[in-house]
Amino acid sequence: MKLMWIKKIFLAVIGLSAGTMVAAGFFAFITAIGVVTTYAQRTKEPELYLRLYQVCVTEYLSVV
């Protein structure tokens, strides 16, 4: 019975780690191709909001 709990906890840690790595890779890809800066330029927002766009994308991807 105790072994089942250890196995479930281990699987949960592995699953969360894999999800974190996928989210980090996706964020790196989006940042590398410049989606955030392109979006900010197309909306013609001042440079002040560029950092806000980047923070919003970062926070969204860290939650997802």
Protein backbone atom coordinates (compact mmCIF):
# COMPACT_ATOMS: atom_id res chain seq x y z
CA MET A 1 0.00 0.00 0.00
CA LYS A 2 2.79 2.41 0.89
CA LEU A 3 4.56 1.60 -2.35
CA MET A 4 1.51 2.77 -4.32
CA TRP A 5 1.68 6.24 -2.75
CA ILE A 6 5.37 6.54 -3.52
CA LYS A 7 4.72 5.50 -7.12
CA LYS A 8 1.90 8.04 -7.52
CA ILE A 9 3.99 10.86 -6.05
CA PHE A 10 6.88 9.92 -8.32
CA LEU A 11 4.62 9.94 -11.38
CA ALA A 12 3.15 13.32 -10.37
CA VAL A 13 6.62 14.84 -10.03
CA ILE A 14 7.67 13.43 -13.41
CA GLY A 15 4.48 14.75 -15.03
CA LEU A 16 4.86 18.24 -13.60
CA SER A 17 8.52 18.34 -14.58
CA ALA A 18 7.71 17.32 -18.15
CA GLY A 19 4.97 19.95 -18.37
CA THR A 20 7.33 22.62 -17.10
CA MET A 21 9.95 21.67 -19.68
CA VAL A 22 7.40 21.79 -22.51
CA ALA A 23 6.14 25.21 -21.37
CA ALA A 24 9.70 26.53 -21.14
CA GLY A 25 10.49 25.26 -24.62
CA PHE A 26 7.34 26.81 -26.04
CA PHE A 27 8.13 30.14 -24.40
CA ALA A 28 11.69 30.03 -25.74
CA PHE A 29 10.36 29.32 -29.22
CA ILE A 30 7.88 32.19 -29.10
CA THR A 31 10.57 34.53 -27.81
CA ALA A 32 13.11 33.39 -30.42
CA ILE A 33 10.85 34.05 -33.38
CA GLY A 34 9.86 37.43 -31.97
CA VAL A 35 6.09 37.05 -31.73
CA VAL A 36 5.77 39.38 -28.78
CA THR A 37 7.72 42.25 -30.32
CA THR A 38 5.97 41.82 -33.68
CA TYR A 39 2.58 41.91 -31.99
CA ALA A 40 3.55 45.04 -30.08
CA GLN A 41 4.74 46.75 -33.26
CA ARG A 42 1.59 45.87 -35.20
CA THR A 43 -0.64 47.33 -32.53
CA LYS A 44 1.45 50.53 -32.65
CA GLU A 45 1.74 50.73 -28.90
CA PRO A 46 4.49 52.83 -27.33
CA GLU A 47 7.71 51.14 -26.25
CA LEU A 48 6.50 51.42 -22.68
CA TYR A 49 3.99 48.63 -23.26
CA LEU A 50 6.46 46.27 -24.92
CA ARG A 51 7.71 45.10 -21.54
CA LEU A 52 4.11 44.65 -20.41
CA TYR A 53 3.41 42.36 -23.38
CA GLN A 54 6.49 40.28 -22.57
CA VAL A 55 5.52 39.97 -18.91
CA CYS A 56 1.96 38.96 -19.81
CA VAL A 57 3.16 36.24 -22.18
CA THR A 58 5.69 35.00 -19.63
CA GLU A 59 3.10 34.85 -16.85
CA TYR A 60 0.53 33.15 -19.08
CA LEU A 61 2.95 30.46 -20.18
CA SER A 62 4.16 29.87 -16.64
CA VAL A 63 0.58 29.29 -15.50
CA VAL A 64 -0.35 27.07 -18.42
